[in-house]
Amino acid sequence: MQNPRQIAFLALREVHRRGAFADAALDRAFSNSQLNDLDRRLVTELVYGSVRRMRSIDFIIDKLATKKSSQQPPELRTILHLGLYQLEYLNQIPPSAAVNTTVQLAKENGFSGLSSFVNGLLRQYIRLTDNNLNPLTVTNYKSTVERLGILHSFPEWLVKLWIEQIGEAETEQLCEWFNQSPTIDLRINPLKSSIAQIEAAFKSHNISTNRIPNLPQALRLNGSIGAIQNLPGYSEGWWTIQDSSAQLVTHLLAPQPGETIIDACAAPGGKTTHSAELMQDEGTIYACDKTASRLKKLKENADRLQMKSIKIHTGDSRHFPEFVNLADRVLLDAPCSGLGTLHRRADARWHHTPENIQQQSQLQSELLANAATFVKSGGVLVYATCTIHPLENETVIRSFLDNNPHWEIEPPTIDLPVQPSPEGWVKVWPHRHHMDGFFMVRLKQLKNE
């Protein structure tokens, strides 16, 4: 099968009917097709974009059709999503092509009798937008929360949460940021290469890069780059892919040669291998994770980067009594909602609820209390998440400090591209700092008298 829109339809059908994650549905759809790079990019854009903009597109259908989006046959709704996504968000596709290919999709997937409805709805939408009457922008919304939620396609509880933290204007900027395609950052491996050498190698392949201030190993790639494994230096272990925010975490940990480090939730291993680089691969890093398949990925990365200091431990880090008082430094990159990386995970905004965030927060508190027992007297623990939800961050840390008076926050002493808070933790807001949303804090155990 070579029709990119049909492949996108099949992937979206899995997302809508079975609740599949968009990236997994896309991988399965690609495994049954042989598309060129251009068509693969189109399918990826259509699937991720349609999932990301689901609420906005449903709103348009509700305004234009006699039956609400939720009352449409599920597969017809998916077809309408594909057509409307192209018309509203993809300027490079001519409206006539978007309409014709969507009508064809309806005919090929059991909706021949409704193809004139599909054609009529899409053409009605074109007429409205041509006359500056786009339903998304001319509607009188009941509140700012509703307007931002529908216009930018986010659940209202999330919009409300952000407005409480950063106000309406910045919340809109954050929503816009999360709807952009993500950038790709590299972390160069100084044990095998240098940033100048990698810049030169990429330049020779006509790939533009930028350095990132105060992150000595970070390089941001610009434009279309093709398959990652075909880029210069990949197989030689010169670099690995890691967002700038995640690189910040390991610099805050600041592991030193010869130390014992425990990475309590290590897979897929970006921060583990970064620790090995900063230690010059001298010392011991225990990389723990309860998911064996994710640890396999960590091992592959460590092997490609030629790291010798990493020892893999499979299992829940809460059940490793042998680690008590063992480590100079512990990293707890806690499992979280990922609400700082919504641009990378198209469907994450729809999978979370205030209730499951609360459960996540309880797990994070348990993991932190346990990881703290691994630290030697006078040692350091860094707690980090890729979420910007206070329940998973500030609340967890305040609760830990209330219950553990022999621990304190140690504010960063290194220059960072993000200013620490008065309390001493670092919170990365994506729209302000142009990197993934993250939270990190360095905790120090006071020495026993």
Protein backbone atom coordinates (compact mmCIF):
# COMPACT_ATOMS: atom_id res chain seq x y z
CA MET A 1 0.00 0.00 0.00
CA GLN A 2 1.50 3.31 -1.10
CA ASN A 3 -1.26 5.91 -0.58
CA PRO A 4 0.03 8.13 2.27
CA ARG A 5 -3.43 9.39 3.26
CA GLN A 6 -4.82 5.86 3.47
CA ILE A 7 -1.87 4.87 5.67
CA ALA A 8 -2.51 7.91 7.87
CA PHE A 9 -6.20 6.92 8.06
CA LEU A 10 -5.33 3.38 9.21
CA ALA A 11 -2.99 4.70 11.92
CA LEU A 12 -5.58 7.24 13.14
CA ARG A 13 -8.28 4.56 13.15
CA GLU A 14 -6.14 2.60 15.61
CA VAL A 15 -5.72 5.70 17.79
CA HIS A 16 -9.45 6.51 17.79
CA ARG A 17 -10.87 2.97 17.97
CA ARG A 18 -8.37 1.15 20.14
CA GLY A 19 -6.83 3.99 22.10
CA ALA A 20 -3.39 3.18 20.62
CA PHE A 21 -0.56 5.64 21.15
CA ALA A 22 0.01 7.68 17.99
CA ASP A 23 3.71 6.79 17.68
CA ALA A 24 3.03 3.03 18.04
CA ALA A 25 0.15 3.17 15.52
CA LEU A 26 2.40 5.06 13.11
CA ASP A 27 5.23 2.51 13.46
CA ARG A 28 2.80 -0.33 12.69
CA ALA A 29 1.39 1.52 9.69
CA PHE A 30 4.89 2.16 8.32
CA SER A 31 5.94 -1.48 8.78
CA ASN A 32 3.24 -2.51 6.25
CA SER A 33 4.19 0.09 3.63
CA GLN A 34 7.10 1.19 1.50
CA LEU A 35 6.95 4.96 1.31
CA ASN A 36 9.60 7.41 0.21
CA ASP A 37 10.88 10.01 2.70
CA LEU A 38 8.52 12.73 1.47
CA ASP A 39 5.43 10.55 1.87
CA ARG A 40 6.59 9.30 5.28
CA ARG A 41 6.90 12.91 6.43
CA LEU A 42 3.38 13.65 5.16
CA VAL A 43 1.92 10.62 6.99
CA THR A 44 3.73 11.59 10.20
CA GLU A 45 2.45 15.18 9.95
CA LEU A 46 -1.12 14.04 9.25
CA VAL A 47 -1.22 11.54 12.14
CA TYR A 48 0.52 13.61 14.81
CA GLY A 49 -1.18 16.81 13.69
CA SER A 50 -4.70 15.32 13.61
CA VAL A 51 -4.23 13.82 17.08
CA ARG A 52 -2.75 17.05 18.47
CA ARG A 53 -5.54 19.21 17.01
CA MET A 54 -8.39 16.78 17.77
CA ARG A 55 -10.41 19.16 19.92
CA SER A 56 -10.17 22.04 17.44
CA ILE A 57 -11.22 19.82 14.51
CA ASP A 58 -14.13 18.29 16.45
CA PHE A 59 -15.28 21.84 17.20
CA ILE A 60 -15.28 22.70 13.47
CA ILE A 61 -17.33 19.56 12.68
CA ASP A 62 -19.79 20.43 15.47
CA LYS A 63 -20.27 23.90 13.92
CA LEU A 64 -20.70 22.75 10.30
CA ALA A 65 -22.50 19.38 10.43
CA THR A 66 -26.06 18.69 11.59
CA LYS A 67 -24.70 15.79 13.66
CA LYS A 68 -22.05 16.52 16.28
CA SER A 69 -18.58 15.02 15.78
CA SER A 70 -19.20 12.49 18.56
CA GLN A 71 -22.34 11.27 16.74
CA GLN A 72 -20.59 10.69 13.40
CA PRO A 73 -19.58 7.12 12.50
CA PRO A 74 -16.10 6.85 14.10
CA GLU A 75 -14.26 6.11 10.85
CA LEU A 76 -16.02 8.92 9.02
CA ARG A 77 -14.99 11.27 11.84
CA THR A 78 -11.37 10.15 11.30
CA ILE A 79 -11.67 10.90 7.56
CA LEU A 80 -13.10 14.36 8.30
CA HIS A 81 -10.25 14.98 10.73
CA LEU A 82 -7.71 14.26 7.98
CA GLY A 83 -9.43 16.60 5.52
CA LEU A 84 -9.95 19.46 7.95
CA TYR A 85 -6.42 19.16 9.37
CA GLN A 86 -4.98 19.69 5.88
CA LEU A 87 -7.28 22.65 5.17
CA GLU A 88 -6.72 24.42 8.49
CA TYR A 89 -3.07 23.67 9.28
CA LEU A 90 -1.16 22.60 6.12
CA ASN A 91 -0.68 25.62 3.87
CA GLN A 92 1.49 23.69 1.42
CA ILE A 93 -1.40 21.41 0.33
CA PRO A 94 -3.82 23.02 -2.19
CA PRO A 95 -7.41 23.04 -0.83
CA SER A 96 -8.68 21.20 -3.92
CA ALA A 97 -6.17 18.37 -3.30
CA ALA A 98 -7.17 18.14 0.38
CA VAL A 99 -10.87 17.92 -0.57
CA ASN A 100 -10.48 15.45 -3.44
CA THR A 101 -8.20 13.04 -1.56
CA THR A 102 -10.50 13.11 1.50
CA VAL A 103 -13.59 12.37 -0.64
CA GLN A 104 -11.63 9.51 -2.22
CA LEU A 105 -10.77 8.19 1.27
CA ALA A 106 -14.47 8.16 2.14
CA LYS A 107 -15.29 6.18 -1.02
CA GLU A 108 -12.48 3.66 -0.44
CA ASN A 109 -13.37 3.02 3.21
CA GLY A 110 -17.07 2.19 3.04
CA PHE A 111 -18.59 5.69 2.94
CA SER A 112 -19.43 6.12 -0.77
CA GLY A 113 -22.97 7.11 0.19
CA LEU A 114 -21.61 9.91 2.39
CA SER A 115 -18.89 11.16 0.03
CA SER A 116 -21.08 14.11 -1.07
CA PHE A 117 -21.51 15.04 2.64
CA VAL A 118 -17.71 14.99 3.09
CA ASN A 119 -17.25 17.08 -0.06
CA GLY A 120 -19.94 19.57 1.03
CA LEU A 121 -18.62 20.01 4.57
CA LEU A 122 -15.03 20.60 3.44
CA ARG A 123 -16.10 23.07 0.72
CA GLN A 124 -18.34 24.90 3.20
CA TYR A 125 -15.32 25.24 5.50
CA ILE A 126 -13.22 26.66 2.62
CA ARG A 127 -15.93 29.23 1.80
CA LEU A 128 -16.11 30.34 5.44
CA THR A 129 -12.33 30.73 5.82
CA ASP A 130 -12.12 32.58 2.47
CA ASN A 131 -14.60 35.08 3.96
CA ASN A 132 -12.73 35.34 7.29
CA LEU A 133 -15.48 33.38 9.06
CA ASN A 134 -13.42 30.48 10.40
CA PRO A 135 -15.50 28.97 13.26
CA LEU A 136 -12.39 28.74 15.45
CA THR A 137 -11.78 32.48 15.39
CA VAL A 138 -15.27 34.03 15.05
CA THR A 139 -16.96 32.13 17.88
CA ASN A 140 -17.83 34.00 21.08
CA TYR A 141 -16.34 31.69 23.69
CA LYS A 142 -17.72 31.54 27.23
CA SER A 143 -14.31 32.04 28.87
CA THR A 144 -10.59 32.43 28.19
CA VAL A 145 -10.08 28.82 29.30
CA GLU A 146 -12.61 27.58 26.71
CA ARG A 147 -11.17 29.81 23.98
CA LEU A 148 -7.57 28.66 24.52
CA GLY A 149 -8.67 25.03 24.94
CA ILE A 150 -10.62 24.94 21.66
CA LEU A 151 -8.41 27.24 19.60
CA HIS A 152 -5.16 25.45 20.54
CA SER A 153 -6.69 22.01 21.22
CA PHE A 154 -5.99 21.29 24.89
CA PRO A 155 -8.19 19.94 27.70
CA GLU A 156 -9.54 22.75 29.85
CA TRP A 157 -8.12 21.45 33.14
CA LEU A 158 -4.63 21.83 31.68
CA VAL A 159 -5.24 25.35 30.33
CA LYS A 160 -6.66 26.37 33.71
CA LEU A 161 -3.61 24.95 35.53
CA TRP A 162 -1.21 26.92 33.33
CA ILE A 163 -3.17 30.16 33.67
CA GLU A 164 -2.94 29.81 37.47
CA GLN A 165 0.86 29.52 37.19
CA ILE A 166 1.86 31.91 34.39
CA GLY A 167 -1.23 33.94 33.40
CA GLU A 168 -3.32 34.07 30.22
CA ALA A 169 -0.83 35.65 27.81
CA GLU A 170 1.98 33.21 28.58
CA THR A 171 -0.42 30.26 28.59
CA GLU A 172 -1.32 31.11 25.00
CA GLN A 173 2.39 31.26 24.10
CA LEU A 174 2.90 27.88 25.79
CA CYS A 175 -0.03 26.34 23.89
CA GLU A 176 1.39 27.64 20.60
CA TRP A 177 4.83 26.30 21.48
CA PHE A 178 3.47 22.80 22.23
CA ASN A 179 1.74 22.71 18.83
CA GLN A 180 5.00 23.22 16.93
CA SER A 181 7.11 20.36 15.59
CA PRO A 182 9.90 19.55 18.07
CA THR A 183 13.54 20.43 17.48
CA ILE A 184 16.31 17.84 17.64
CA ASP A 185 19.27 18.42 19.95
CA LEU A 186 22.47 16.37 20.07
CA ARG A 187 24.79 15.83 22.99
CA ILE A 188 28.32 15.38 21.76
CA ASN A 189 30.43 12.67 23.38
CA PRO A 190 33.67 14.46 24.41
CA LEU A 191 35.41 11.09 24.95
CA LYS A 192 35.15 10.40 21.21
CA SER A 193 34.85 13.76 19.47
CA SER A 194 34.58 17.54 19.85
CA ILE A 195 31.78 19.97 19.13
CA ALA A 196 33.89 21.64 16.40
CA GLN A 197 34.54 18.29 14.69
CA ILE A 198 30.83 17.44 14.68
CA GLU A 199 29.85 20.91 13.43
CA ALA A 200 32.27 20.47 10.52
CA ALA A 201 30.96 16.96 9.72
CA PHE A 202 27.35 18.20 9.65
CA LYS A 203 28.27 21.25 7.58
CA SER A 204 29.87 18.96 4.98
CA HIS A 205 26.45 17.21 4.73
CA ASN A 206 24.69 20.61 4.35
CA ILE A 207 23.06 20.30 7.78
CA SER A 208 22.89 23.54 9.74
CA THR A 209 23.50 23.50 13.53
CA ASN A 210 23.43 25.92 16.47
CA ARG A 211 25.25 25.83 19.79
CA ILE A 212 23.24 26.43 22.97
CA PRO A 213 24.62 28.88 25.56
CA ASN A 214 25.91 27.36 28.83
CA LEU A 215 25.51 23.81 27.53
CA PRO A 216 28.98 22.83 26.30
CA GLN A 217 27.91 19.53 24.70
CA ALA A 218 24.64 20.65 23.07
CA LEU A 219 24.10 21.15 19.36
CA ARG A 220 20.68 21.90 17.83
CA LEU A 221 19.95 20.65 14.31
CA ASN A 222 17.99 22.88 11.92
CA GLY A 223 15.69 21.82 9.10
CA SER A 224 15.05 18.35 7.68
CA ILE A 225 17.78 15.83 8.48
CA GLY A 226 16.51 12.40 7.33
CA ALA A 227 17.19 9.16 9.21
CA ILE A 228 19.17 9.70 12.44
CA GLN A 229 21.40 6.63 11.98
CA ASN A 230 22.60 7.97 8.61
CA LEU A 231 23.97 11.19 10.11
CA PRO A 232 27.77 11.61 10.36
CA GLY A 233 29.30 10.27 13.57
CA TYR A 234 26.29 8.20 14.67
CA SER A 235 27.86 4.74 14.33
CA GLU A 236 31.21 6.04 15.69
CA GLY A 237 29.49 7.11 18.94
CA TRP A 238 30.41 10.78 18.52
CA TRP A 239 27.02 11.97 19.79
CA THR A 240 23.60 10.95 21.00
CA ILE A 241 20.19 12.61 20.73
CA GLN A 242 19.15 14.38 23.92
CA ASP A 243 17.14 17.56 24.43
CA SER A 244 18.96 20.49 26.05
CA SER A 245 16.75 20.34 29.16
CA ALA A 246 17.72 16.75 29.82
CA GLN A 247 21.40 17.68 29.44
CA LEU A 248 20.95 20.33 32.13
CA VAL A 249 19.92 17.64 34.63
CA THR A 250 23.25 15.78 34.49
CA HIS A 251 25.25 19.00 34.70
CA LEU A 252 23.31 19.73 37.90
CA LEU A 253 24.22 16.25 39.20
CA ALA A 254 27.89 16.98 38.28
CA PRO A 255 29.28 13.42 38.61
CA GLN A 256 33.06 13.22 39.09
CA PRO A 257 35.62 10.63 37.93
CA GLY A 258 35.93 7.66 40.29
CA GLU A 259 32.57 8.19 42.03
CA THR A 260 29.73 5.73 42.53
CA ILE A 261 26.52 6.95 40.91
CA ILE A 262 23.05 5.40 41.03
CA ASP A 263 20.60 6.29 38.26
CA ALA A 264 17.40 5.03 39.87
CA CYS A 265 15.08 5.21 36.81
CA ALA A 266 17.67 5.10 34.07
CA ALA A 267 16.14 3.85 30.80
CA PRO A 268 16.45 4.68 27.97
CA GLY A 269 19.76 5.99 29.30
CA GLY A 270 20.39 9.52 28.04
CA LYS A 271 21.37 10.82 31.47
CA THR A 272 23.21 7.59 32.36
CA THR A 273 25.53 7.89 29.38
CA HIS A 274 25.89 11.63 29.99
CA SER A 275 27.05 10.87 33.54
CA ALA A 276 29.63 8.45 32.13
CA GLU A 277 30.92 11.17 29.79
CA LEU A 278 31.22 13.74 32.60
CA MET A 279 33.08 11.14 34.72
CA GLN A 280 35.40 10.39 31.79
CA ASP A 281 33.99 6.84 32.03
CA GLU A 282 35.89 6.35 35.32
CA GLY A 283 33.93 5.07 38.32
CA THR A 284 30.71 3.05 38.55
CA ILE A 285 27.19 3.94 37.45
CA TYR A 286 24.39 1.59 38.48
CA ALA A 287 21.62 2.02 35.90
CA CYS A 288 18.30 0.73 37.25
CA ASP A 289 14.97 0.29 35.55
CA LYS A 290 12.11 -2.16 35.95
CA THR A 291 11.52 -2.48 32.18
CA ALA A 292 13.98 -4.90 30.59
CA SER A 293 13.19 -3.79 27.01
CA ARG A 294 13.99 -0.17 27.85
CA LEU A 295 17.25 -1.25 29.53
CA LYS A 296 18.15 -3.09 26.32
CA LYS A 297 17.96 0.28 24.55
CA LEU A 298 20.20 1.76 27.27
CA LYS A 299 22.77 -1.00 26.72
CA GLU A 300 22.73 -0.43 22.95
CA ASN A 301 23.35 3.30 23.52
CA ALA A 302 26.14 2.63 26.03
CA ASP A 303 27.78 0.16 23.62
CA ARG A 304 27.57 2.58 20.68
CA LEU A 305 29.12 5.33 22.82
CA GLN A 306 31.68 2.75 24.09
CA MET A 307 30.99 3.24 27.81
CA LYS A 308 32.55 0.84 30.33
CA SER A 309 31.47 2.33 33.68
CA ILE A 310 27.74 1.47 33.41
CA LYS A 311 26.35 -1.58 35.24
CA ILE A 312 22.73 -2.48 34.47
CA HIS A 313 20.27 -3.47 37.24
CA THR A 314 16.84 -4.72 36.20
CA GLY A 315 14.03 -4.16 38.71
CA ASP A 316 12.15 -1.58 40.75
CA SER A 317 14.68 0.69 42.48
CA ARG A 318 12.49 0.60 45.61
CA HIS A 319 13.60 -3.01 46.09
CA PHE A 320 17.40 -2.70 46.07
CA PRO A 321 18.51 -2.78 49.75
CA GLU A 322 22.10 -3.42 48.60
CA PHE A 323 22.28 0.21 47.45
CA VAL A 324 21.69 1.78 50.89
CA ASN A 325 24.45 4.34 51.72
CA LEU A 326 26.41 3.26 48.61
CA ALA A 327 26.37 6.27 46.28
CA ASP A 328 28.20 9.58 46.15
CA ARG A 329 25.42 10.89 43.93
CA VAL A 330 21.96 9.61 43.00
CA LEU A 331 19.85 10.69 40.05
CA LEU A 332 16.09 10.17 40.25
CA ASP A 333 14.71 11.07 36.83
CA ALA A 334 11.24 10.14 38.05
CA PRO A 335 8.52 8.63 35.85
CA CYS A 336 6.05 11.45 35.21
CA SER A 337 3.18 12.69 33.08
CA GLY A 338 5.54 14.19 30.48
CA LEU A 339 3.50 17.41 30.43
CA GLY A 340 6.65 19.37 29.57
CA THR A 341 7.07 17.43 26.32
CA LEU A 342 3.59 17.67 24.78
CA HIS A 343 5.12 18.78 21.44
CA ARG A 344 6.90 15.41 21.23
CA ARG A 345 3.96 13.27 22.38
CA ALA A 346 0.98 14.18 20.25
CA ASP A 347 -1.60 12.28 22.31
CA ALA A 348 -0.28 12.88 25.86
CA ARG A 349 -2.60 15.87 26.38
CA TRP A 350 -5.61 13.54 25.98
CA HIS A 351 -4.32 10.65 28.13
CA HIS A 352 -3.84 12.49 31.41
CA THR A 353 -6.37 13.57 34.03
CA PRO A 354 -6.01 15.43 37.34
CA GLU A 355 -6.63 12.06 39.05
CA ASN A 356 -3.77 10.18 37.40
CA ILE A 357 -1.43 13.13 38.05
CA GLN A 358 -2.26 12.74 41.75
CA GLN A 359 -1.36 9.01 41.58
CA GLN A 360 1.87 9.86 39.75
CA SER A 361 2.77 12.32 42.50
CA GLN A 362 2.39 9.63 45.16
CA LEU A 363 4.68 7.26 43.24
CA GLN A 364 7.27 10.02 42.79
CA SER A 365 7.25 10.73 46.54
CA GLU A 366 7.82 7.03 47.28
CA LEU A 367 10.67 6.79 44.78
CA LEU A 368 12.31 9.92 46.18
CA ALA A 369 12.11 8.76 49.81
CA ASN A 370 13.69 5.46 48.80
CA ALA A 371 16.38 6.93 46.50
CA ALA A 372 17.49 9.19 49.36
CA THR A 373 18.54 6.08 51.34
CA PHE A 374 21.11 5.26 48.62
CA VAL A 375 23.11 8.44 49.29
CA LYS A 376 26.19 8.41 51.51
CA SER A 377 26.39 10.96 54.32
CA GLY A 378 27.17 14.32 52.71
CA GLY A 379 26.17 13.06 49.26
CA VAL A 380 23.93 14.55 46.58
CA LEU A 381 20.60 13.59 45.05
CA VAL A 382 19.09 15.21 41.95
CA TYR A 383 15.33 14.89 41.43
CA ALA A 384 14.12 15.62 37.90
CA THR A 385 10.99 15.27 35.77
CA CYS A 386 9.95 16.27 32.24
CA THR A 387 6.69 17.77 33.53
CA ILE A 388 5.70 21.29 34.55
CA HIS A 389 2.90 20.20 36.89
CA PRO A 390 3.50 21.45 40.48
CA LEU A 391 2.02 18.26 42.00
CA GLU A 392 4.83 16.24 40.42
CA ASN A 393 7.55 18.76 41.23
CA GLU A 394 7.39 21.46 43.90
CA THR A 395 4.82 19.53 45.98
CA VAL A 396 6.96 16.36 45.98
CA ILE A 397 10.09 18.30 47.03
CA ARG A 398 8.39 20.33 49.77
CA SER A 399 6.85 17.17 51.22
CA PHE A 400 10.23 15.37 51.14
CA LEU A 401 12.02 18.23 52.91
CA ASP A 402 9.26 18.46 55.55
CA ASN A 403 9.75 14.76 56.30
CA ASN A 404 13.57 14.75 56.06
CA PRO A 405 15.09 17.62 58.06
CA HIS A 406 18.64 16.32 57.42
CA TRP A 407 18.26 17.19 53.72
CA GLU A 408 18.33 20.62 52.07
CA ILE A 409 18.22 22.16 48.61
CA GLU A 410 21.64 23.05 47.23
CA PRO A 411 21.10 25.84 44.68
CA PRO A 412 23.08 25.54 41.42
CA THR A 413 26.55 27.05 41.45
CA ILE A 414 27.12 26.59 37.71
CA ASP A 415 25.97 28.96 34.95
CA LEU A 416 22.73 27.63 33.48
CA PRO A 417 20.66 28.83 30.52
CA VAL A 418 17.70 28.92 32.96
CA GLN A 419 17.59 31.07 36.10
CA PRO A 420 16.96 29.03 39.29
CA SER A 421 13.94 29.94 41.45
CA PRO A 422 14.40 31.67 44.83
CA GLU A 423 13.91 28.24 46.43
CA GLY A 424 16.86 26.86 44.46
CA TRP A 425 15.16 24.54 41.98
CA VAL A 426 15.21 24.93 38.20
CA LYS A 427 11.97 24.96 36.22
CA VAL A 428 12.22 25.10 32.44
CA TRP A 429 9.20 26.65 30.71
CA PRO A 430 9.40 25.66 27.02
CA HIS A 431 8.05 28.92 25.56
CA ARG A 432 10.54 30.95 27.61
CA HIS A 433 13.64 28.82 27.19
CA HIS A 434 13.03 27.06 23.83
CA MET A 435 13.62 23.57 25.15
CA ASP A 436 11.53 20.77 26.69
CA GLY A 437 9.65 21.58 29.87
CA PHE A 438 11.59 20.20 32.85
CA PHE A 439 11.95 20.48 36.60
CA MET A 440 15.16 19.68 38.49
CA VAL A 441 16.51 20.22 41.96
CA ARG A 442 19.75 19.26 43.68
CA LEU A 443 19.34 17.98 47.24
CA LYS A 444 22.22 17.52 49.69
CA GLN A 445 22.31 15.27 52.70
CA LEU A 446 23.80 17.01 55.69
CA LYS A 447 26.84 15.21 57.11
CA ASN A 448 26.35 13.14 60.24
CA GLU A 449 27.85 14.93 63.24
